Amino acid sequence: MRALAAATRSWPMLAAVGAGLVLLAVAAGAGGIVQPAAAVFGVAALVWSILALRAGRLVAPAAALVACSVFLVGAGALVATGWVGRADVAAGPLVAASAFIVVVAASCALALRRARVTATAPARAARPDGPPAAGFDRRSLVGLVAGAALVAALATPALAATPAGGQAVPHGEHLEEPGGHAH
C-alpha cells in the first residue's frame, strides 16, 4: 500500500493544476458571474497546487476541502439553473474541472480523516522501516509522470472545448501574410 501511496502522492496537486488551467480558460470566454468565479477558483487551484507541490504534501486540507465543496455546489447550480449555456460555458470543460476538483476534495478529506484518526489513536511504537524518505523516489517519479499524463489526457480536450481553445491556431497551420510570409 505504501508503494501505491508514494506513486499517487502528487496526483491531487496535478489535478489542481488541471482544474486551474481549465477554469482560467473557461473564465476567458465566459460571461456574467461565471467569469470572475471561474477566474478566482482557477487562480486559487493553481496557487494551492504550487504550494502543495513545493511542500510535498497537501497544504491546508480543510480550507481546500471547503473551497472544493463551494466550487462543486456552484458548478451544480450552474448546470441545474441552465446558466451553463447562457454564460458561454460548455459543459465539457466544466465537467473536466469538476472531476479534477473531486480528486482534490477526496484527497483532502482522506488526509483530514487520517490526521483525526492519528490524533485519537494511542501512541504506538515506530515502524521498523521508519518514516518515508523526503523527496522523490522512483515510485514517486513514475507516479508523477502517470499523473501528469492522466491530467493532460483530460485537460487537453477540455481546454480545446473552451472559447479560448476554439480560437487557437491548429497545430501545423500558420497564418500567411499577404507577402507570402508565415508568422
Protein backbone atom coordinates (compact mmCIF):
# COMPACT_ATOMS: atom_id res chain seq x y z
CA MET A 1 0.00 0.00 0.00
CA ARG A 2 2.91 2.35 0.70
CA ALA A 3 4.11 1.89 -2.90
CA LEU A 4 0.73 2.99 -4.25
CA ALA A 5 0.63 5.93 -1.84
CA ALA A 6 4.11 7.02 -2.93
CA ALA A 7 3.16 6.71 -6.60
CA THR A 8 -0.05 8.73 -6.29
CA ARG A 9 1.06 11.32 -3.73
CA SER A 10 1.30 14.11 -6.33
CA TRP A 11 -2.00 13.39 -8.11
CA PRO A 12 -4.18 15.82 -6.13
CA MET A 13 -1.70 18.60 -6.84
CA LEU A 14 -1.63 17.73 -10.53
CA ALA A 15 -5.43 17.60 -10.58
CA ALA A 16 -5.45 21.12 -9.11
CA VAL A 17 -3.16 22.27 -11.94
CA GLY A 18 -5.58 20.77 -14.48
CA ALA A 19 -8.57 22.39 -12.75
CA GLY A 20 -6.83 25.75 -12.58
CA LEU A 21 -5.89 25.76 -16.26
CA VAL A 22 -9.34 24.66 -17.41
CA LEU A 23 -11.11 27.18 -15.15
CA LEU A 24 -8.93 30.05 -16.37
CA ALA A 25 -9.71 29.06 -19.97
CA VAL A 26 -13.42 28.92 -19.07
CA ALA A 27 -13.15 32.37 -17.48
CA ALA A 28 -11.53 33.77 -20.63
CA GLY A 29 -14.69 33.09 -22.63
CA ALA A 30 -17.44 33.12 -20.02
CA GLY A 31 -19.89 35.87 -19.32
CA GLY A 32 -21.79 37.09 -16.29
CA ILE A 33 -20.90 35.96 -12.79
CA VAL A 34 -19.26 32.81 -14.20
CA GLN A 35 -16.25 34.75 -15.48
CA PRO A 36 -14.94 36.14 -12.17
CA ALA A 37 -15.94 32.99 -10.25
CA ALA A 38 -14.06 30.73 -12.66
CA ALA A 39 -11.06 33.06 -12.61
CA VAL A 40 -10.92 33.13 -8.80
CA PHE A 41 -11.25 29.35 -8.48
CA GLY A 42 -8.73 28.83 -11.31
CA VAL A 43 -6.11 31.05 -9.69
CA ALA A 44 -6.79 29.51 -6.26
CA ALA A 45 -6.33 25.99 -7.67
CA LEU A 46 -3.04 26.91 -9.32
CA VAL A 47 -1.70 28.66 -6.22
CA TRP A 48 -2.71 25.74 -3.99
CA SER A 49 -1.10 23.24 -6.37
CA ILE A 50 2.18 25.17 -6.41
CA LEU A 51 2.25 25.44 -2.61
CA ALA A 52 1.37 21.74 -2.19
CA LEU A 53 3.91 20.55 -4.76
CA ARG A 54 6.56 22.71 -3.10
CA ALA A 55 5.68 21.31 0.34
CA GLY A 56 5.44 17.74 -0.96
CA ARG A 57 2.11 17.27 0.83
CA LEU A 58 -1.43 18.63 0.87
CA VAL A 59 -1.44 22.12 2.38
CA ALA A 60 -4.43 23.49 4.28
CA PRO A 61 -6.58 20.44 3.52
CA ALA A 62 -9.56 21.77 5.49
CA ALA A 63 -9.60 25.08 3.60
CA ALA A 64 -9.06 23.28 0.29
CA LEU A 65 -11.95 20.91 1.06
CA VAL A 66 -14.25 23.86 1.79
CA ALA A 67 -13.19 25.61 -1.45
CA CYS A 68 -13.72 22.38 -3.43
CA SER A 69 -17.18 21.95 -1.92
CA VAL A 70 -18.14 25.54 -2.73
CA PHE A 71 -16.96 25.07 -6.32
CA LEU A 72 -18.84 21.79 -6.78
CA VAL A 73 -22.06 23.22 -5.35
CA GLY A 74 -21.68 26.29 -7.57
CA ALA A 75 -20.98 24.21 -10.67
CA GLY A 76 -24.00 22.05 -9.89
CA ALA A 77 -26.14 25.17 -9.51
CA LEU A 78 -24.89 26.47 -12.89
CA VAL A 79 -25.97 23.26 -14.56
CA ALA A 80 -29.27 22.98 -12.66
CA THR A 81 -30.33 26.54 -13.45
CA GLY A 82 -29.32 26.43 -17.10
CA TRP A 83 -26.60 29.09 -16.76
CA VAL A 84 -24.08 26.85 -18.49
CA GLY A 85 -25.48 27.65 -21.93
CA ARG A 86 -26.33 31.29 -21.22
CA ALA A 87 -22.90 32.18 -19.83
CA ASP A 88 -20.97 30.76 -22.82
CA VAL A 89 -19.69 27.85 -20.74
CA ALA A 90 -19.53 24.47 -22.43
CA ALA A 91 -20.47 21.52 -20.26
CA GLY A 92 -17.33 19.51 -21.15
CA PRO A 93 -14.78 21.87 -19.59
CA LEU A 94 -16.99 22.31 -16.53
CA VAL A 95 -17.24 18.52 -16.11
CA ALA A 96 -13.46 18.14 -16.51
CA ALA A 97 -12.75 20.86 -13.95
CA SER A 98 -15.27 19.27 -11.60
CA ALA A 99 -13.59 15.86 -11.98
CA PHE A 100 -10.24 17.42 -11.09
CA ILE A 101 -11.80 19.17 -8.10
CA VAL A 102 -13.36 15.91 -6.89
CA VAL A 103 -9.88 14.33 -6.84
CA VAL A 104 -8.55 17.23 -4.75
CA ALA A 105 -11.57 17.16 -2.41
CA ALA A 106 -11.37 13.40 -1.88
CA SER A 107 -7.65 13.60 -1.15
CA CYS A 108 -8.14 16.43 1.33
CA ALA A 109 -11.00 14.57 3.04
CA LEU A 110 -8.84 11.44 3.35
CA ALA A 111 -5.93 13.47 4.73
CA LEU A 112 -8.18 15.10 7.31
CA ARG A 113 -9.63 11.74 8.32
CA ARG A 114 -6.16 10.22 8.58
CA ALA A 115 -5.00 13.13 10.74
CA ARG A 116 -8.03 12.80 13.03
CA VAL A 117 -7.55 9.03 13.41
CA THR A 118 -3.85 9.51 14.09
CA ALA A 119 -4.55 12.19 16.70
CA THR A 120 -7.02 10.00 18.60
CA ALA A 121 -5.10 6.72 18.30
CA PRO A 122 -2.95 5.62 21.23
CA ALA A 123 0.78 6.09 20.81
CA ARG A 124 2.41 3.12 19.11
CA ALA A 125 5.98 2.11 18.62
CA ALA A 126 7.62 3.43 15.48
CA ARG A 127 7.65 1.14 12.47
CA PRO A 128 10.93 -0.64 11.90
CA ASP A 129 11.18 0.74 8.37
CA GLY A 130 10.88 4.32 9.65
CA PRO A 131 9.10 7.26 8.10
CA PRO A 132 9.01 7.70 4.35
CA ALA A 133 12.08 9.38 2.92
CA ALA A 134 11.84 13.01 1.92
CA GLY A 135 11.96 13.88 -1.76
CA PHE A 136 11.11 11.74 -4.76
CA ASP A 137 11.99 8.11 -5.20
CA ARG A 138 11.46 6.06 -8.33
CA ARG A 139 7.81 5.24 -7.45
CA SER A 140 7.09 8.91 -6.88
CA LEU A 141 8.64 9.83 -10.20
CA VAL A 142 6.66 7.15 -12.05
CA GLY A 143 3.52 8.32 -10.25
CA LEU A 144 4.25 11.93 -11.15
CA VAL A 145 4.63 11.06 -14.83
CA ALA A 146 1.50 8.87 -14.83
CA GLY A 147 -0.50 11.57 -13.02
CA ALA A 148 0.67 14.24 -15.45
CA ALA A 149 -0.35 12.04 -18.39
CA LEU A 150 -3.82 11.49 -16.89
CA VAL A 151 -4.27 15.21 -16.26
CA ALA A 152 -3.11 16.04 -19.79
CA ALA A 153 -5.49 13.45 -21.25
CA LEU A 154 -8.45 15.10 -19.52
CA ALA A 155 -7.35 18.73 -19.62
CA THR A 156 -6.36 18.90 -23.30
CA PRO A 157 -9.81 18.20 -24.78
CA ALA A 158 -11.41 20.34 -22.05
CA LEU A 159 -9.15 23.27 -22.96
CA ALA A 160 -9.90 22.77 -26.65
CA ALA A 161 -13.65 22.94 -25.90
CA THR A 162 -13.38 26.40 -24.31
CA PRO A 163 -13.76 29.58 -26.37
CA ALA A 164 -10.05 30.25 -25.89
CA GLY A 165 -9.24 26.79 -27.23
CA GLY A 166 -11.60 27.30 -30.17
CA GLN A 167 -9.67 30.38 -31.23
CA ALA A 168 -6.28 28.67 -31.14
CA VAL A 169 -4.48 28.10 -34.42
CA PRO A 170 -4.42 24.36 -35.18
CA HIS A 171 -1.02 22.69 -34.99
CA GLY A 172 0.82 22.68 -38.29
CA GLU A 173 -1.18 25.55 -39.73
CA HIS A 174 0.21 29.07 -39.87
CA LEU A 175 -1.39 32.27 -40.97
CA GLU A 176 0.22 33.74 -44.03
CA GLU A 177 0.71 37.43 -44.56
CA PRO A 178 -0.12 38.99 -47.93
CA GLY A 179 3.57 38.85 -48.94
CA GLY A 180 3.60 35.07 -48.55
CA HIS A 181 5.50 35.08 -45.26
CA ALA A 182 4.32 32.95 -42.42
CA HIS A 183 4.43 34.25 -38.86
